[in-house]
């Protein structure tokens, strides 16, 4: 349910674009982000940082798109978001006691188990590379393809890729987890 709520502004953007144009779709996206942030506040009295960062970027780049009547602003917004994520996740390998990825995904690790710090660092660096590449791909599509191709890419390629990547990184983190007491239990040896 939470994922559907988080994707609602993008779904509304795509639907508005399909039946109107990019400018109305941008206004709908801006309103959808406002509703998402309000929902966060009303339901939990907090606003997740990623929702807030994404909403502010949508409002700034969306406003520029509408005021200047130039779609490049809303098109570049995903790249800016992806590169901010890459910088924060990758930079946390060298800054702070634990990585941002561990803070965000630590709850996905079963209770009583841990992931080695080196695995968190490696996963953070791979995530930084993934989001850097995704941002670059967005720029490439933006500058070399049509508006229709960009909307398709943003809606039907980037979002599923992000979800698949997140599931993949969780499985990667879980593949080598070990009990907090020590290494994984060895299977019992058959007696001769």
Foldseek 3Di string as FASTA:
>chain_A
DVVCLVCVLLVQLLVCCVVDNNLVSLVSSLVSLVVSQVCCCVVPVDGDPLSVVLNVQSVVLSVCCNVVVPCVSVLLSLLVSLQVLLCQLLVQLPDDDAGPCCVVCVVLADPQKDFDRVLSNVLSNVSSVVSNVLSVVSVVCVPPHDPVSSSCCVRPPVVVVVVVVVVVSSCSRHVQMAGPVDGHDDPDDDDD
